[in-house]
């Protein structure tokens, strides 16, 4: 068991983190290159960057949209805050980073980490139930829409049990192994799933804006491609 733990926290973690970082950098780089290409070919290159920055912040912090689906909006915001803050600012995780890279930063109190962990678990379950019970999201959902929240719940649940031996029904090493394996799998899957919106979502407004700045003669070219060059649009 000790050898498996060392492998998951050592070589496997380094491979998973490499997939995570390089995969997200690749997606971000490809998106930025396509945006530059679209703007360069556009007839109108006047992109309102300040307006897009404000729209992106409003999208990331959707305070004005809470009234539409308040329960869903609140759950989504709390879920995202929890799954971002705990992995980065948990004291034990920072110690692992310091041991491997020498980097360190302030940690949140363990009590706050516990509260956010339980919040993430509750939000993951509630969002899954909501997705199943509402027809619209249920029809549009795929296997991954249920699998990834479940995987996130396994990561946070096993981590919570590992940090609290008094309420842990399974041996410490077993819960730690489950936690490490699930977390590494999650890191590997992020760049190849909808979870990649962690880097793509901030660029979404710019992508949408650039897409509507058509190249010169775009309408004529589309008409030629469709064989309708002499018909009104």
C-alpha atoms as a PDB file:
ATOM      1  CA  UNK A   1       0.000   0.000   0.000  1.00  0.00           C
ATOM      2  CA  UNK A   2       2.831   2.402   0.829  1.00  0.00           C
ATOM      3  CA  UNK A   3       4.381   1.810  -2.589  1.00  0.00           C
ATOM      4  CA  UNK A   4       1.059   2.565  -4.313  1.00  0.00           C
ATOM      5  CA  UNK A   5       0.677   5.749  -2.303  1.00  0.00           C
ATOM      6  CA  UNK A   6       4.168   6.910  -3.214  1.00  0.00           C
ATOM      7  CA  UNK A   7       3.442   6.186  -6.871  1.00  0.00           C
ATOM      8  CA  UNK A   8       0.139   8.111  -6.908  1.00  0.00           C
ATOM      9  CA  UNK A   9       1.628  11.076  -5.033  1.00  0.00           C
ATOM     10  CA  UNK A  10       4.871  11.002  -7.010  1.00  0.00           C
ATOM     11  CA  UNK A  11       5.160   9.834 -10.652  1.00  0.00           C
ATOM     12  CA  UNK A  12       1.416   9.625 -11.322  1.00  0.00           C
ATOM     13  CA  UNK A  13       0.812  13.091  -9.889  1.00  0.00           C
ATOM     14  CA  UNK A  14       3.590  14.575 -12.027  1.00  0.00           C
ATOM     15  CA  UNK A  15       2.171  12.950 -15.169  1.00  0.00           C
ATOM     16  CA  UNK A  16      -1.367  14.080 -14.300  1.00  0.00           C
ATOM     17  CA  UNK A  17      -0.238  17.639 -13.595  1.00  0.00           C
ATOM     18  CA  UNK A  18       1.692  17.697 -16.879  1.00  0.00           C
ATOM     19  CA  UNK A  19      -1.436  16.614 -18.777  1.00  0.00           C
ATOM     20  CA  UNK A  20      -3.459  19.221 -16.886  1.00  0.00           C
ATOM     21  CA  UNK A  21      -1.145  22.185 -17.462  1.00  0.00           C
ATOM     22  CA  UNK A  22      -0.035  21.420 -21.026  1.00  0.00           C
ATOM     23  CA  UNK A  23      -3.550  20.418 -22.071  1.00  0.00           C
ATOM     24  CA  UNK A  24      -5.088  23.659 -20.826  1.00  0.00           C
ATOM     25  CA  UNK A  25      -2.238  25.739 -22.263  1.00  0.00           C
ATOM     26  CA  UNK A  26      -2.789  24.050 -25.630  1.00  0.00           C
ATOM     27  CA  UNK A  27      -6.516  24.847 -25.582  1.00  0.00           C
ATOM     28  CA  UNK A  28      -5.885  28.450 -24.560  1.00  0.00           C
ATOM     29  CA  UNK A  29      -3.164  28.908 -27.198  1.00  0.00           C
ATOM     30  CA  UNK A  30      -5.292  27.428 -30.002  1.00  0.00           C
ATOM     31  CA  UNK A  31      -8.243  29.609 -28.999  1.00  0.00           C
ATOM     32  CA  UNK A  32      -6.137  32.772 -28.902  1.00  0.00           C
ATOM     33  CA  UNK A  33      -4.549  31.954 -32.282  1.00  0.00           C
ATOM     34  CA  UNK A  34      -7.986  31.433 -33.840  1.00  0.00           C
ATOM     35  CA  UNK A  35      -9.190  34.736 -32.352  1.00  0.00           C
ATOM     36  CA  UNK A  36      -6.170  36.551 -33.826  1.00  0.00           C
ATOM     37  CA  UNK A  37      -6.791  34.863 -37.183  1.00  0.00           C
ATOM     38  CA  UNK A  38     -10.462  35.880 -37.150  1.00  0.00           C
ATOM     39  CA  UNK A  39      -9.699  39.489 -36.205  1.00  0.00           C
ATOM     40  CA  UNK A  40      -6.935  39.747 -38.804  1.00  0.00           C
ATOM     41  CA  UNK A  41      -9.274  38.561 -41.566  1.00  0.00           C
ATOM     42  CA  UNK A  42     -12.247  40.624 -40.394  1.00  0.00           C
ATOM     43  CA  UNK A  43     -13.514  43.606 -42.282  1.00  0.00           C
ATOM     44  CA  UNK A  44     -14.200  45.421 -39.004  1.00  0.00           C
ATOM     45  CA  UNK A  45     -11.282  45.118 -36.588  1.00  0.00           C
ATOM     46  CA  UNK A  46     -12.770  47.406 -33.982  1.00  0.00           C
ATOM     47  CA  UNK A  47     -13.091  44.999 -31.032  1.00  0.00           C
ATOM     48  CA  UNK A  48     -14.552  46.575 -27.826  1.00  0.00           C
ATOM     49  CA  UNK A  49     -12.067  44.949 -25.443  1.00  0.00           C
ATOM     50  CA  UNK A  50     -13.139  46.920 -22.355  1.00  0.00           C
ATOM     51  CA  UNK A  51     -16.779  46.028 -22.920  1.00  0.00           C
ATOM     52  CA  UNK A  52     -15.825  42.388 -23.392  1.00  0.00           C
ATOM     53  CA  UNK A  53     -13.787  42.428 -20.169  1.00  0.00           C
ATOM     54  CA  UNK A  54     -16.807  43.767 -18.257  1.00  0.00           C
ATOM     55  CA  UNK A  55     -19.076  41.188 -19.889  1.00  0.00           C
ATOM     56  CA  UNK A  56     -16.646  38.407 -18.961  1.00  0.00           C
ATOM     57  CA  UNK A  57     -16.570  39.506 -15.314  1.00  0.00           C
ATOM     58  CA  UNK A  58     -20.367  39.687 -15.286  1.00  0.00           C
ATOM     59  CA  UNK A  59     -20.473  36.151 -16.682  1.00  0.00           C
ATOM     60  CA  UNK A  60     -17.972  34.793 -14.184  1.00  0.00           C
ATOM     61  CA  UNK A  61     -19.833  36.492 -11.310  1.00  0.00           C
ATOM     62  CA  UNK A  62     -23.475  36.312 -12.471  1.00  0.00           C
ATOM     63  CA  UNK A  63     -24.986  38.454  -9.736  1.00  0.00           C
ATOM     64  CA  UNK A  64     -27.633  39.885 -12.085  1.00  0.00           C
ATOM     65  CA  UNK A  65     -28.792  36.445 -13.235  1.00  0.00           C
ATOM     66  CA  UNK A  66     -29.466  35.016  -9.778  1.00  0.00           C
ATOM     67  CA  UNK A  67     -33.107  36.049  -9.968  1.00  0.00           C
ATOM     68  CA  UNK A  68     -33.784  33.822 -13.000  1.00  0.00           C
ATOM     69  CA  UNK A  69     -32.877  30.506 -11.333  1.00  0.00           C
ATOM     70  CA  UNK A  70     -31.740  31.513  -7.839  1.00  0.00           C
ATOM     71  CA  UNK A  71     -31.247  28.005  -6.450  1.00  0.00           C
ATOM     72  CA  UNK A  72     -29.269  26.814  -9.472  1.00  0.00           C
ATOM     73  CA  UNK A  73     -27.218  30.020  -9.668  1.00  0.00           C
ATOM     74  CA  UNK A  74     -26.319  29.915  -5.987  1.00  0.00           C
ATOM     75  CA  UNK A  75     -25.393  26.225  -6.136  1.00  0.00           C
ATOM     76  CA  UNK A  76     -23.237  26.738  -9.212  1.00  0.00           C
ATOM     77  CA  UNK A  77     -21.323  29.674  -7.736  1.00  0.00           C
ATOM     78  CA  UNK A  78     -20.743  27.917  -4.399  1.00  0.00           C
ATOM     79  CA  UNK A  79     -19.707  24.709  -6.157  1.00  0.00           C
ATOM     80  CA  UNK A  80     -17.143  26.467  -8.329  1.00  0.00           C
ATOM     81  CA  UNK A  81     -15.757  28.509  -5.443  1.00  0.00           C
ATOM     82  CA  UNK A  82     -15.372  25.384  -3.306  1.00  0.00           C
ATOM     83  CA  UNK A  83     -13.662  23.196  -5.894  1.00  0.00           C
ATOM     84  CA  UNK A  84     -11.238  26.004  -6.779  1.00  0.00           C
ATOM     85  CA  UNK A  85     -10.342  27.268  -3.315  1.00  0.00           C
ATOM     86  CA  UNK A  86      -9.882  23.994  -1.422  1.00  0.00           C
ATOM     87  CA  UNK A  87      -7.373  22.263  -3.743  1.00  0.00           C
ATOM     88  CA  UNK A  88      -5.243  25.403  -4.026  1.00  0.00           C
ATOM     89  CA  UNK A  89      -5.335  26.734  -0.455  1.00  0.00           C
ATOM     90  CA  UNK A  90      -5.595  23.609   1.700  1.00  0.00           C
ATOM     91  CA  UNK A  91      -2.613  23.485   4.048  1.00  0.00           C
ATOM     92  CA  UNK A  92      -1.744  19.838   3.308  1.00  0.00           C
ATOM     93  CA  UNK A  93      -1.748  20.505  -0.437  1.00  0.00           C
ATOM     94  CA  UNK A  94       0.503  23.524  -0.003  1.00  0.00           C
ATOM     95  CA  UNK A  95       2.926  21.372   2.001  1.00  0.00           C
ATOM     96  CA  UNK A  96       3.057  18.883  -0.890  1.00  0.00           C
ATOM     97  CA  UNK A  97       3.779  21.670  -3.356  1.00  0.00           C
ATOM     98  CA  UNK A  98       6.461  23.092  -1.064  1.00  0.00           C
ATOM     99  CA  UNK A  99       8.091  19.683  -0.757  1.00  0.00           C
ATOM    100  CA  UNK A 100       8.111  19.120  -4.504  1.00  0.00           C
ATOM    101  CA  UNK A 101       8.769  22.609  -5.886  1.00  0.00           C
ATOM    102  CA  UNK A 102       9.770  24.834  -2.979  1.00  0.00           C
ATOM    103  CA  UNK A 103       6.776  27.084  -3.674  1.00  0.00           C
ATOM    104  CA  UNK A 104       4.458  28.068  -0.839  1.00  0.00           C
ATOM    105  CA  UNK A 105       1.582  30.444  -0.137  1.00  0.00           C
ATOM    106  CA  UNK A 106      -0.867  31.194   2.707  1.00  0.00           C
ATOM    107  CA  UNK A 107      -3.399  28.481   3.555  1.00  0.00           C
ATOM    108  CA  UNK A 108      -7.023  28.815   4.581  1.00  0.00           C
ATOM    109  CA  UNK A 109      -8.015  27.557   8.066  1.00  0.00           C
ATOM    110  CA  UNK A 110      -8.867  23.860   8.263  1.00  0.00           C
ATOM    111  CA  UNK A 111     -12.354  24.730   9.504  1.00  0.00           C
ATOM    112  CA  UNK A 112     -12.989  26.805   6.375  1.00  0.00           C
ATOM    113  CA  UNK A 113     -11.612  23.989   4.207  1.00  0.00           C
ATOM    114  CA  UNK A 114     -13.972  21.516   5.901  1.00  0.00           C
ATOM    115  CA  UNK A 115     -16.953  23.798   5.343  1.00  0.00           C
ATOM    116  CA  UNK A 116     -16.088  24.330   1.669  1.00  0.00           C
ATOM    117  CA  UNK A 117     -15.517  20.584   1.183  1.00  0.00           C
ATOM    118  CA  UNK A 118     -18.931  19.715   2.588  1.00  0.00           C
ATOM    119  CA  UNK A 119     -20.401  22.517   0.510  1.00  0.00           C
ATOM    120  CA  UNK A 120     -18.810  21.089  -2.639  1.00  0.00           C
ATOM    121  CA  UNK A 121     -20.168  17.614  -1.846  1.00  0.00           C
ATOM    122  CA  UNK A 122     -23.677  18.903  -1.184  1.00  0.00           C
ATOM    123  CA  UNK A 123     -23.652  21.116  -4.273  1.00  0.00           C
ATOM    124  CA  UNK A 124     -22.418  18.268  -6.500  1.00  0.00           C
ATOM    125  CA  UNK A 125     -25.232  15.998  -5.337  1.00  0.00           C
ATOM    126  CA  UNK A 126     -27.851  18.767  -5.607  1.00  0.00           C
ATOM    127  CA  UNK A 127     -26.749  19.744  -9.121  1.00  0.00           C
ATOM    128  CA  UNK A 128     -26.890  16.098 -10.223  1.00  0.00           C
ATOM    129  CA  UNK A 129     -30.400  15.721  -8.782  1.00  0.00           C
ATOM    130  CA  UNK A 130     -31.491  18.950 -10.433  1.00  0.00           C
ATOM    131  CA  UNK A 131     -30.102  17.788 -13.783  1.00  0.00           C
ATOM    132  CA  UNK A 132     -32.011  14.511 -13.528  1.00  0.00           C
ATOM    133  CA  UNK A 133     -35.273  16.031 -12.339  1.00  0.00           C
ATOM    134  CA  UNK A 134     -35.590  18.914 -14.851  1.00  0.00           C
ATOM    135  CA  UNK A 135     -36.495  17.890 -18.393  1.00  0.00           C
ATOM    136  CA  UNK A 136     -34.448  20.496 -20.265  1.00  0.00           C
ATOM    137  CA  UNK A 137     -31.050  19.759 -18.694  1.00  0.00           C
ATOM    138  CA  UNK A 138     -31.820  16.027 -18.615  1.00  0.00           C
ATOM    139  CA  UNK A 139     -32.415  15.853 -22.370  1.00  0.00           C
ATOM    140  CA  UNK A 140     -29.188  17.730 -23.137  1.00  0.00           C
ATOM    141  CA  UNK A 141     -27.040  15.825 -20.638  1.00  0.00           C
ATOM    142  CA  UNK A 142     -24.472  13.180 -21.507  1.00  0.00           C
ATOM    143  CA  UNK A 143     -22.728  10.549 -19.412  1.00  0.00           C
ATOM    144  CA  UNK A 144     -19.884  12.939 -18.609  1.00  0.00           C
ATOM    145  CA  UNK A 145     -22.324  15.477 -17.140  1.00  0.00           C
ATOM    146  CA  UNK A 146     -23.026  12.980 -14.361  1.00  0.00           C
ATOM    147  CA  UNK A 147     -19.648  11.231 -14.206  1.00  0.00           C
ATOM    148  CA  UNK A 148     -17.483  14.280 -13.557  1.00  0.00           C
ATOM    149  CA  UNK A 149     -19.533  15.673 -10.640  1.00  0.00           C
ATOM    150  CA  UNK A 150     -19.433  12.157  -9.192  1.00  0.00           C
ATOM    151  CA  UNK A 151     -15.648  12.021  -9.627  1.00  0.00           C
ATOM    152  CA  UNK A 152     -15.320  15.443  -7.983  1.00  0.00           C
ATOM    153  CA  UNK A 153     -17.493  14.195  -5.106  1.00  0.00           C
ATOM    154  CA  UNK A 154     -15.207  11.157  -4.700  1.00  0.00           C
ATOM    155  CA  UNK A 155     -12.134  13.430  -4.583  1.00  0.00           C
ATOM    156  CA  UNK A 156     -13.618  15.732  -1.957  1.00  0.00           C
ATOM    157  CA  UNK A 157     -15.320  12.989   0.044  1.00  0.00           C
ATOM    158  CA  UNK A 158     -12.206  10.833   0.289  1.00  0.00           C
ATOM    159  CA  UNK A 159     -10.135  13.887   1.138  1.00  0.00           C
ATOM    160  CA  UNK A 160     -12.510  14.850   3.935  1.00  0.00           C
ATOM    161  CA  UNK A 161     -12.421  11.321   5.385  1.00  0.00           C
ATOM    162  CA  UNK A 162      -8.637  11.254   5.178  1.00  0.00           C
ATOM    163  CA  UNK A 163      -8.411  14.510   7.122  1.00  0.00           C
ATOM    164  CA  UNK A 164     -10.846  13.231   9.787  1.00  0.00           C
ATOM    165  CA  UNK A 165      -9.833   9.738  10.949  1.00  0.00           C
ATOM    166  CA  UNK A 166     -12.449   9.817  13.730  1.00  0.00           C
ATOM    167  CA  UNK A 167     -15.297   9.607  11.196  1.00  0.00           C
ATOM    168  CA  UNK A 168     -13.429   7.599   8.553  1.00  0.00           C
ATOM    169  CA  UNK A 169     -14.896   4.069   8.251  1.00  0.00           C
ATOM    170  CA  UNK A 170     -12.031   2.827   6.065  1.00  0.00           C
ATOM    171  CA  UNK A 171      -8.275   2.656   6.787  1.00  0.00           C
ATOM    172  CA  UNK A 172      -6.315   5.877   6.358  1.00  0.00           C
ATOM    173  CA  UNK A 173      -4.072   4.509   3.616  1.00  0.00           C
ATOM    174  CA  UNK A 174      -7.045   3.223   1.614  1.00  0.00           C
ATOM    175  CA  UNK A 175      -8.864   6.562   1.742  1.00  0.00           C
ATOM    176  CA  UNK A 176      -5.664   8.399   0.843  1.00  0.00           C
ATOM    177  CA  UNK A 177      -5.108   6.085  -2.133  1.00  0.00           C
ATOM    178  CA  UNK A 178      -8.688   6.647  -3.345  1.00  0.00           C
ATOM    179  CA  UNK A 179      -8.238  10.388  -2.930  1.00  0.00           C
ATOM    180  CA  UNK A 180      -4.942  10.493  -4.835  1.00  0.00           C
ATOM    181  CA  UNK A 181      -6.132   8.236  -7.665  1.00  0.00           C
ATOM    182  CA  UNK A 182      -9.394  10.137  -8.160  1.00  0.00           C
ATOM    183  CA  UNK A 183      -7.655  13.513  -8.037  1.00  0.00           C
ATOM    184  CA  UNK A 184      -5.038  12.443 -10.593  1.00  0.00           C
ATOM    185  CA  UNK A 185      -7.710  11.082 -12.934  1.00  0.00           C
ATOM    186  CA  UNK A 186      -9.619  14.349 -12.631  1.00  0.00           C
ATOM    187  CA  UNK A 187      -6.508  16.357 -13.541  1.00  0.00           C
ATOM    188  CA  UNK A 188      -5.920  14.183 -16.610  1.00  0.00           C
ATOM    189  CA  UNK A 189      -9.525  14.450 -17.802  1.00  0.00           C
ATOM    190  CA  UNK A 190      -9.927  18.223 -17.384  1.00  0.00           C
ATOM    191  CA  UNK A 191      -8.350  19.325 -20.717  1.00  0.00           C
ATOM    192  CA  UNK A 192     -10.371  16.716 -22.634  1.00  0.00           C
ATOM    193  CA  UNK A 193     -13.798  17.446 -21.158  1.00  0.00           C
ATOM    194  CA  UNK A 194     -16.246  20.237 -20.433  1.00  0.00           C
ATOM    195  CA  UNK A 195     -14.160  20.995 -17.360  1.00  0.00           C
ATOM    196  CA  UNK A 196     -11.754  22.745 -19.731  1.00  0.00           C
ATOM    197  CA  UNK A 197     -14.030  25.774 -19.428  1.00  0.00           C
ATOM    198  CA  UNK A 198     -11.755  26.698 -16.527  1.00  0.00           C
ATOM    199  CA  UNK A 199      -9.581  28.404 -19.182  1.00  0.00           C
ATOM    200  CA  UNK A 200     -11.989  28.651 -22.124  1.00  0.00           C
ATOM    201  CA  UNK A 201     -14.836  30.441 -20.358  1.00  0.00           C
ATOM    202  CA  UNK A 202     -12.889  33.710 -19.803  1.00  0.00           C
ATOM    203  CA  UNK A 203     -12.234  33.753 -23.578  1.00  0.00           C
ATOM    204  CA  UNK A 204     -15.795  32.955 -24.612  1.00  0.00           C
ATOM    205  CA  UNK A 205     -16.970  36.565 -24.907  1.00  0.00           C
ATOM    206  CA  UNK A 206     -13.996  37.477 -27.101  1.00  0.00           C
ATOM    207  CA  UNK A 207     -14.552  34.413 -29.299  1.00  0.00           C
ATOM    208  CA  UNK A 208     -18.211  35.344 -29.775  1.00  0.00           C
ATOM    209  CA  UNK A 209     -17.363  38.953 -30.624  1.00  0.00           C
ATOM    210  CA  UNK A 210     -14.621  38.011 -33.096  1.00  0.00           C
ATOM    211  CA  UNK A 211     -16.880  35.468 -34.790  1.00  0.00           C
ATOM    212  CA  UNK A 212     -19.319  38.225 -35.815  1.00  0.00           C
ATOM    213  CA  UNK A 213     -16.632  40.366 -37.454  1.00  0.00           C
ATOM    214  CA  UNK A 214     -16.864  38.689 -40.822  1.00  0.00           C
ATOM    215  CA  UNK A 215     -14.056  38.894 -43.403  1.00  0.00           C
ATOM    216  CA  UNK A 216     -14.638  41.131 -46.428  1.00  0.00           C
ATOM    217  CA  UNK A 217     -16.864  39.539 -49.102  1.00  0.00           C
ATOM    218  CA  UNK A 218     -17.889  36.801 -46.654  1.00  0.00           C
ATOM    219  CA  UNK A 219     -21.520  36.991 -47.779  1.00  0.00           C
ATOM    220  CA  UNK A 220     -20.567  36.603 -51.434  1.00  0.00           C
ATOM    221  CA  UNK A 221     -18.280  33.648 -50.663  1.00  0.00           C
ATOM    222  CA  UNK A 222     -21.011  31.906 -48.679  1.00  0.00           C
ATOM    223  CA  UNK A 223     -23.438  32.434 -51.534  1.00  0.00           C
ATOM    224  CA  UNK A 224     -20.971  30.944 -54.008  1.00  0.00           C
ATOM    225  CA  UNK A 225     -20.358  27.969 -51.735  1.00  0.00           C
ATOM    226  CA  UNK A 226     -24.100  27.330 -51.465  1.00  0.00           C
ATOM    227  CA  UNK A 227     -24.772  27.880 -55.168  1.00  0.00           C
ATOM    228  CA  UNK A 228     -27.101  30.804 -54.383  1.00  0.00           C
ATOM    229  CA  UNK A 229     -24.946  33.712 -55.478  1.00  0.00           C
ATOM    230  CA  UNK A 230     -27.760  35.346 -57.480  1.00  0.00           C
ATOM    231  CA  UNK A 231     -30.485  34.938 -54.836  1.00  0.00           C
ATOM    232  CA  UNK A 232     -31.355  37.503 -52.164  1.00  0.00           C
ATOM    233  CA  UNK A 233     -30.179  36.798 -48.638  1.00  0.00           C
END
